[in-house]
PDB file of all heavy atoms in Angstrom:
ATOM      1  N   TYR A   1       5.713  -3.633   6.811  1.00  0.00           N
ATOM      2  CA  TYR A   1       4.763  -3.546   5.677  1.00  0.00           C
ATOM      3  C   TYR A   1       5.383  -4.100   4.397  1.00  0.00           C
ATOM      4  O   TYR A   1       4.757  -4.111   3.375  1.00  0.00           O
ATOM      5  CB  TYR A   1       4.315  -2.103   5.451  1.00  0.00           C
ATOM      6  CG  TYR A   1       3.136  -1.681   6.311  1.00  0.00           C
ATOM      7  CD1 TYR A   1       3.332  -1.286   7.592  1.00  0.00           C
ATOM      8  CD2 TYR A   1       1.862  -1.756   5.740  1.00  0.00           C
ATOM      9  CE1 TYR A   1       2.185  -0.940   8.357  1.00  0.00           C
ATOM     10  CE2 TYR A   1       0.732  -1.453   6.545  1.00  0.00           C
ATOM     11  CZ  TYR A   1       0.946  -1.029   7.849  1.00  0.00           C
ATOM     12  OH  TYR A   1      -0.180  -0.712   8.647  1.00  0.00           O
ATOM     13  N   GLY A   2       6.654  -4.576   4.441  1.00  0.00           N
ATOM     14  CA  GLY A   2       7.265  -5.150   3.294  1.00  0.00           C
ATOM     15  C   GLY A   2       7.630  -4.190   2.214  1.00  0.00           C
ATOM     16  O   GLY A   2       7.638  -4.481   1.015  1.00  0.00           O
ATOM     17  N   LEU A   3       8.063  -3.028   2.589  1.00  0.00           N
ATOM     18  CA  LEU A   3       8.454  -1.954   1.659  1.00  0.00           C
ATOM     19  C   LEU A   3       9.558  -2.534   0.710  1.00  0.00           C
ATOM     20  O   LEU A   3      10.483  -3.174   1.148  1.00  0.00           O
ATOM     21  CB  LEU A   3       9.100  -0.787   2.401  1.00  0.00           C
ATOM     22  CG  LEU A   3       8.436   0.566   2.259  1.00  0.00           C
ATOM     23  CD1 LEU A   3       6.951   0.522   2.674  1.00  0.00           C
ATOM     24  CD2 LEU A   3       9.155   1.598   2.995  1.00  0.00           C
ATOM     25  N   THR A   4       9.390  -2.278  -0.556  1.00  0.00           N
ATOM     26  CA  THR A   4      10.426  -2.641  -1.541  1.00  0.00           C
ATOM     27  C   THR A   4      11.086  -1.382  -2.134  1.00  0.00           C
ATOM     28  O   THR A   4      12.095  -1.545  -2.869  1.00  0.00           O
ATOM     29  CB  THR A   4       9.859  -3.482  -2.634  1.00  0.00           C
ATOM     30  OG1 THR A   4       8.855  -2.742  -3.327  1.00  0.00           O
ATOM     31  CG2 THR A   4       9.283  -4.822  -2.119  1.00  0.00           C
ATOM     32  N   GLY A   5      10.571  -0.283  -1.907  1.00  0.00           N
ATOM     33  CA  GLY A   5      11.096   0.985  -2.430  1.00  0.00           C
ATOM     34  C   GLY A   5      10.106   2.090  -1.989  1.00  0.00           C
ATOM     35  O   GLY A   5       9.133   1.814  -1.345  1.00  0.00           O
ATOM     36  N   LEU A   6      10.409   3.283  -2.461  1.00  0.00           N
ATOM     37  CA  LEU A   6       9.534   4.420  -2.109  1.00  0.00           C
ATOM     38  C   LEU A   6       9.084   5.127  -3.423  1.00  0.00           C
ATOM     39  O   LEU A   6       9.881   5.144  -4.337  1.00  0.00           O
ATOM     40  CB  LEU A   6      10.308   5.415  -1.276  1.00  0.00           C
ATOM     41  CG  LEU A   6      10.623   4.987   0.159  1.00  0.00           C
ATOM     42  CD1 LEU A   6      11.478   6.030   0.880  1.00  0.00           C
ATOM     43  CD2 LEU A   6       9.359   4.658   0.993  1.00  0.00           C
ATOM     44  N   PRO A   7       7.896   5.587  -3.409  1.00  0.00           N
ATOM     45  CA  PRO A   7       6.827   5.403  -2.385  1.00  0.00           C
ATOM     46  C   PRO A   7       6.159   4.074  -2.584  1.00  0.00           C
ATOM     47  O   PRO A   7       6.101   3.514  -3.661  1.00  0.00           O
ATOM     48  CB  PRO A   7       5.894   6.539  -2.750  1.00  0.00           C
ATOM     49  CG  PRO A   7       6.045   6.758  -4.196  1.00  0.00           C
ATOM     50  CD  PRO A   7       7.501   6.475  -4.495  1.00  0.00           C
ATOM     51  N   ASP A   8       5.558   3.595  -1.427  1.00  0.00           N
ATOM     52  CA  ASP A   8       4.710   2.410  -1.457  1.00  0.00           C
ATOM     53  C   ASP A   8       3.430   2.825  -0.667  1.00  0.00           C
ATOM     54  O   ASP A   8       3.580   3.550   0.325  1.00  0.00           O
ATOM     55  CB  ASP A   8       5.321   1.247  -0.773  1.00  0.00           C
ATOM     56  CG  ASP A   8       6.144   0.381  -1.646  1.00  0.00           C
ATOM     57  OD1 ASP A   8       6.204   0.660  -2.891  1.00  0.00           O
ATOM     58  OD2 ASP A   8       6.679  -0.665  -1.176  1.00  0.00           O
ATOM     59  N   THR A   9       2.239   2.368  -1.097  1.00  0.00           N
ATOM     60  CA  THR A   9       1.038   2.697  -0.430  1.00  0.00           C
ATOM     61  C   THR A   9       0.298   1.404  -0.147  1.00  0.00           C
ATOM     62  O   THR A   9      -0.083   0.697  -1.013  1.00  0.00           O
ATOM     63  CB  THR A   9       0.151   3.604  -1.314  1.00  0.00           C
ATOM     64  OG1 THR A   9       0.911   4.788  -1.631  1.00  0.00           O
ATOM     65  CG2 THR A   9      -1.124   4.017  -0.632  1.00  0.00           C
ATOM     66  N   ALA A  10       0.156   1.195   1.176  1.00  0.00           N
ATOM     67  CA  ALA A  10      -0.628   0.021   1.692  1.00  0.00           C
ATOM     68  C   ALA A  10      -2.091   0.359   1.731  1.00  0.00           C
ATOM     69  O   ALA A  10      -2.457   1.404   2.286  1.00  0.00           O
ATOM     70  CB  ALA A  10      -0.081  -0.413   3.064  1.00  0.00           C
ATOM     71  N   ILE A  11      -2.957  -0.559   1.347  1.00  0.00           N
ATOM     72  CA  ILE A  11      -4.376  -0.373   1.330  1.00  0.00           C
ATOM     73  C   ILE A  11      -4.909  -1.314   2.419  1.00  0.00           C
ATOM     74  O   ILE A  11      -4.654  -2.508   2.408  1.00  0.00           O
ATOM     75  CB  ILE A  11      -5.056  -0.680   0.006  1.00  0.00           C
ATOM     76  CG1 ILE A  11      -4.438   0.222  -1.142  1.00  0.00           C
ATOM     77  CG2 ILE A  11      -6.562  -0.498   0.103  1.00  0.00           C
ATOM     78  CD1 ILE A  11      -4.565   1.722  -0.944  1.00  0.00           C
ATOM     79  N   ILE A  12      -5.647  -0.714   3.382  1.00  0.00           N
ATOM     80  CA  ILE A  12      -6.186  -1.495   4.526  1.00  0.00           C
ATOM     81  C   ILE A  12      -7.737  -1.367   4.451  1.00  0.00           C
ATOM     82  O   ILE A  12      -8.287  -0.323   4.258  1.00  0.00           O
ATOM     83  CB  ILE A  12      -5.688  -0.852   5.862  1.00  0.00           C
ATOM     84  CG1 ILE A  12      -4.206  -0.899   5.899  1.00  0.00           C
ATOM     85  CG2 ILE A  12      -6.290  -1.561   7.017  1.00  0.00           C
ATOM     86  CD1 ILE A  12      -3.547  -0.113   7.026  1.00  0.00           C
ATOM     87  N   ASP A  13      -8.407  -2.542   4.563  1.00  0.00           N
ATOM     88  CA  ASP A  13      -9.825  -2.548   4.538  1.00  0.00           C
ATOM     89  C   ASP A  13     -10.426  -2.075   5.920  1.00  0.00           C
ATOM     90  O   ASP A  13      -9.688  -1.916   6.906  1.00  0.00           O
ATOM     91  CB  ASP A  13     -10.348  -3.913   4.058  1.00  0.00           C
ATOM     92  CG  ASP A  13     -10.304  -5.054   5.134  1.00  0.00           C
ATOM     93  OD1 ASP A  13     -10.017  -4.706   6.288  1.00  0.00           O
ATOM     94  OD2 ASP A  13     -10.561  -6.169   4.750  1.00  0.00           O
ATOM     95  N   PRO A  14     -11.759  -1.914   5.924  1.00  0.00           N
ATOM     96  CA  PRO A  14     -12.345  -1.366   7.143  1.00  0.00           C
ATOM     97  C   PRO A  14     -12.175  -2.271   8.393  1.00  0.00           C
ATOM     98  O   PRO A  14     -12.315  -1.851   9.545  1.00  0.00           O
ATOM     99  CB  PRO A  14     -13.839  -1.232   6.820  1.00  0.00           C
ATOM    100  CG  PRO A  14     -13.884  -1.033   5.331  1.00  0.00           C
ATOM    101  CD  PRO A  14     -12.719  -1.900   4.877  1.00  0.00           C
ATOM    102  N   ARG A  15     -11.825  -3.572   8.185  1.00  0.00           N
ATOM    103  CA  ARG A  15     -11.596  -4.480   9.289  1.00  0.00           C
ATOM    104  C   ARG A  15     -10.163  -4.469   9.842  1.00  0.00           C
ATOM    105  O   ARG A  15      -9.861  -5.195  10.739  1.00  0.00           O
ATOM    106  CB  ARG A  15     -11.962  -5.901   8.873  1.00  0.00           C
ATOM    107  CG  ARG A  15     -13.421  -6.024   8.473  1.00  0.00           C
ATOM    108  CD  ARG A  15     -13.657  -7.471   7.873  1.00  0.00           C
ATOM    109  NE  ARG A  15     -12.809  -7.665   6.739  1.00  0.00           N
ATOM    110  CZ  ARG A  15     -12.169  -8.786   6.458  1.00  0.00           C
ATOM    111  NH1 ARG A  15     -12.333  -9.918   7.178  1.00  0.00           N
ATOM    112  NH2 ARG A  15     -11.425  -8.901   5.361  1.00  0.00           N
ATOM    113  N   GLY A  16      -9.340  -3.668   9.122  1.00  0.00           N
ATOM    114  CA  GLY A  16      -7.907  -3.620   9.615  1.00  0.00           C
ATOM    115  C   GLY A  16      -7.055  -4.624   8.942  1.00  0.00           C
ATOM    116  O   GLY A  16      -5.914  -4.911   9.366  1.00  0.00           O
ATOM    117  N   ARG A  17      -7.506  -5.184   7.766  1.00  0.00           N
ATOM    118  CA  ARG A  17      -6.713  -6.130   7.031  1.00  0.00           C
ATOM    119  C   ARG A  17      -6.007  -5.508   5.856  1.00  0.00           C
ATOM    120  O   ARG A  17      -6.562  -4.671   5.160  1.00  0.00           O
ATOM    121  CB  ARG A  17      -7.676  -7.273   6.451  1.00  0.00           C
ATOM    122  CG  ARG A  17      -8.600  -7.875   7.416  1.00  0.00           C
ATOM    123  CD  ARG A  17      -7.950  -8.837   8.375  1.00  0.00           C
ATOM    124  NE  ARG A  17      -7.456  -9.992   7.721  1.00  0.00           N
ATOM    125  CZ  ARG A  17      -6.801 -10.942   8.303  1.00  0.00           C
ATOM    126  NH1 ARG A  17      -6.629 -10.916   9.598  1.00  0.00           N
ATOM    127  NH2 ARG A  17      -6.384 -11.945   7.631  1.00  0.00           N
ATOM    128  N   LEU A  18      -4.754  -5.888   5.658  1.00  0.00           N
ATOM    129  CA  LEU A  18      -3.996  -5.394   4.547  1.00  0.00           C
ATOM    130  C   LEU A  18      -4.459  -6.131   3.245  1.00  0.00           C
ATOM    131  O   LEU A  18      -4.433  -7.321   3.252  1.00  0.00           O
ATOM    132  CB  LEU A  18      -2.484  -5.684   4.806  1.00  0.00           C
ATOM    133  CG  LEU A  18      -1.526  -5.199   3.724  1.00  0.00           C
ATOM    134  CD1 LEU A  18      -1.527  -3.736   3.635  1.00  0.00           C
ATOM    135  CD2 LEU A  18      -0.104  -5.641   4.172  1.00  0.00           C
ATOM    136  N   VAL A  19      -4.944  -5.335   2.300  1.00  0.00           N
ATOM    137  CA  VAL A  19      -5.529  -5.998   1.092  1.00  0.00           C
ATOM    138  C   VAL A  19      -4.732  -5.739  -0.187  1.00  0.00           C
ATOM    139  O   VAL A  19      -4.966  -6.415  -1.180  1.00  0.00           O
ATOM    140  CB  VAL A  19      -6.987  -5.647   0.946  1.00  0.00           C
ATOM    141  CG1 VAL A  19      -7.891  -6.270   1.998  1.00  0.00           C
ATOM    142  CG2 VAL A  19      -7.199  -4.139   0.772  1.00  0.00           C
ATOM    143  N   ASP A  20      -3.838  -4.734  -0.189  1.00  0.00           N
ATOM    144  CA  ASP A  20      -3.115  -4.442  -1.390  1.00  0.00           C
ATOM    145  C   ASP A  20      -1.954  -3.529  -1.027  1.00  0.00           C
ATOM    146  O   ASP A  20      -1.975  -2.821   0.001  1.00  0.00           O
ATOM    147  CB  ASP A  20      -3.969  -3.773  -2.416  1.00  0.00           C
ATOM    148  CG  ASP A  20      -3.463  -3.910  -3.855  1.00  0.00           C
ATOM    149  OD1 ASP A  20      -2.408  -4.496  -4.059  1.00  0.00           O
ATOM    150  OD2 ASP A  20      -4.126  -3.423  -4.807  1.00  0.00           O
ATOM    151  N   VAL A  21      -0.908  -3.590  -1.822  1.00  0.00           N
ATOM    152  CA  VAL A  21       0.232  -2.623  -1.713  1.00  0.00           C
ATOM    153  C   VAL A  21       0.501  -2.095  -3.112  1.00  0.00           C
ATOM    154  O   VAL A  21       0.725  -2.894  -4.022  1.00  0.00           O
ATOM    155  CB  VAL A  21       1.499  -3.285  -1.154  1.00  0.00           C
ATOM    156  CG1 VAL A  21       2.636  -2.225  -1.040  1.00  0.00           C
ATOM    157  CG2 VAL A  21       1.219  -3.883   0.279  1.00  0.00           C
ATOM    158  N   LEU A  22       0.392  -0.810  -3.240  1.00  0.00           N
ATOM    159  CA  LEU A  22       0.682  -0.137  -4.548  1.00  0.00           C
ATOM    160  C   LEU A  22       2.090   0.331  -4.553  1.00  0.00           C
ATOM    161  O   LEU A  22       2.501   1.110  -3.677  1.00  0.00           O
ATOM    162  CB  LEU A  22      -0.304   1.066  -4.719  1.00  0.00           C
ATOM    163  CG  LEU A  22      -1.772   0.793  -4.526  1.00  0.00           C
ATOM    164  CD1 LEU A  22      -2.610   2.066  -4.568  1.00  0.00           C
ATOM    165  CD2 LEU A  22      -2.282  -0.215  -5.532  1.00  0.00           C
ATOM    166  N   ARG A  23       2.824  -0.190  -5.488  1.00  0.00           N
ATOM    167  CA  ARG A  23       4.272   0.072  -5.575  1.00  0.00           C
ATOM    168  C   ARG A  23       4.533   1.301  -6.475  1.00  0.00           C
ATOM    169  O   ARG A  23       3.992   1.364  -7.592  1.00  0.00           O
ATOM    170  CB  ARG A  23       5.040  -1.136  -6.088  1.00  0.00           C
ATOM    171  CG  ARG A  23       4.792  -2.437  -5.344  1.00  0.00           C
ATOM    172  CD  ARG A  23       5.401  -2.383  -3.980  1.00  0.00           C
ATOM    173  NE  ARG A  23       5.173  -3.742  -3.356  1.00  0.00           N
ATOM    174  CZ  ARG A  23       5.478  -3.981  -2.116  1.00  0.00           C
ATOM    175  NH1 ARG A  23       5.975  -3.073  -1.335  1.00  0.00           N
ATOM    176  NH2 ARG A  23       5.176  -5.190  -1.589  1.00  0.00           N
ATOM    177  N   GLY A  24       5.373   2.203  -6.027  1.00  0.00           N
ATOM    178  CA  GLY A  24       5.779   3.336  -6.852  1.00  0.00           C
ATOM    179  C   GLY A  24       4.776   4.493  -6.728  1.00  0.00           C
ATOM    180  O   GLY A  24       3.759   4.387  -6.030  1.00  0.00           O
ATOM    181  N   PRO A  25       5.062   5.596  -7.417  1.00  0.00           N
ATOM    182  CA  PRO A  25       4.135   6.800  -7.366  1.00  0.00           C
ATOM    183  C   PRO A  25       2.827   6.471  -7.956  1.00  0.00           C
ATOM    184  O   PRO A  25       2.732   5.799  -8.971  1.00  0.00           O
ATOM    185  CB  PRO A  25       4.923   7.863  -8.091  1.00  0.00           C
ATOM    186  CG  PRO A  25       5.871   7.095  -8.982  1.00  0.00           C
ATOM    187  CD  PRO A  25       6.175   5.836  -8.232  1.00  0.00           C
ATOM    188  N   GLN A  26       1.754   6.952  -7.303  1.00  0.00           N
ATOM    189  CA  GLN A  26       0.378   6.669  -7.750  1.00  0.00           C
ATOM    190  C   GLN A  26      -0.359   7.996  -8.041  1.00  0.00           C
ATOM    191  O   GLN A  26      -0.076   8.987  -7.408  1.00  0.00           O
ATOM    192  CB  GLN A  26      -0.364   5.868  -6.671  1.00  0.00           C
ATOM    193  CG  GLN A  26       0.301   4.552  -6.297  1.00  0.00           C
ATOM    194  CD  GLN A  26       0.389   3.589  -7.461  1.00  0.00           C
ATOM    195  OE1 GLN A  26      -0.519   3.413  -8.222  1.00  0.00           O
ATOM    196  NE2 GLN A  26       1.474   2.925  -7.475  1.00  0.00           N
ATOM    197  N   SER A  27      -1.346   7.908  -8.916  1.00  0.00           N
ATOM    198  CA  SER A  27      -2.226   9.029  -9.028  1.00  0.00           C
ATOM    199  C   SER A  27      -3.386   8.926  -8.034  1.00  0.00           C
ATOM    200  O   SER A  27      -3.614   7.865  -7.414  1.00  0.00           O
ATOM    201  CB  SER A  27      -2.836   9.022 -10.482  1.00  0.00           C
ATOM    202  OG  SER A  27      -3.734   7.908 -10.562  1.00  0.00           O
ATOM    203  N   ALA A  28      -4.067  10.056  -7.801  1.00  0.00           N
ATOM    204  CA  ALA A  28      -5.148  10.054  -6.859  1.00  0.00           C
ATOM    205  C   ALA A  28      -6.230   9.046  -7.317  1.00  0.00           C
ATOM    206  O   ALA A  28      -6.831   8.360  -6.533  1.00  0.00           O
ATOM    207  CB  ALA A  28      -5.765  11.432  -6.818  1.00  0.00           C
TER     208      ALA A  28
END
């Protein structure tokens, strides 16, 4: 998934495609 650090959150669309990676801690 190309992690660069923790936490990282990968966003996957309904078709199973990776569309974004949020780096660092995120809010809801």
